[in-house]
């Protein structure tokens, strides 16, 4: 088989648009590039689908956003995921690679749903904790820095929920607080534990009965 050539990308500054659509069965290397204030519904700066190899080195992702856009919400899956990078891989082949090497910075990226900086679904990106820096990224539901499918569901207190909503700038109505309080009281009446945990739970899968 003929070896695929690598597409090298090295730009000083990319901003204010969804810049890169990384497509299947290609090799890419991004070096010394700044992605700033890019916005999309899925993957604020980079949407990578089935890349044979995507290597990101010594780059910065600053203030990018993956936002819920009502007019487009029926066109995309996982909207609001991956404030800077959205990485997906075909589950039948799993011939993909996303590798972060050198010092990469993710700062003040936001996602409406999950993965304030990075979202992945099938294959976890490769990176060293010592080389990657996350600063003040945020996601409304979960995974301020990195998110994948839900793997562990955990009950939280009313105050923890309120604190999370305040942190991401959402308004909470009194009706919502009352409803959740009643739900907590109902759950507490049938459970002795302060918290309910479900391990190895995948999004879309059935939940066990907890009584």
Foldseek 3Di string as FASTA:
>chain_A
DDDADEAEAEDQEDEAEQAEEADAPHHYEYENYEYEHAEEFEARHYEHEHYLYYEYEHYEYYAAFQEDDPVCNVPDPPTQAARHYEYEYDPVPPNYAYEYDAAYEYEQGEGAAEAQHYEYEHDDYHYDPVRYYYYNAQYLHDHSHYYYFDFKDKDDDLVVNVVSCVVVPHDDDPVNSVVVVVVQVVVVVQDVDPMDMDGGDGPPDDDDDDD
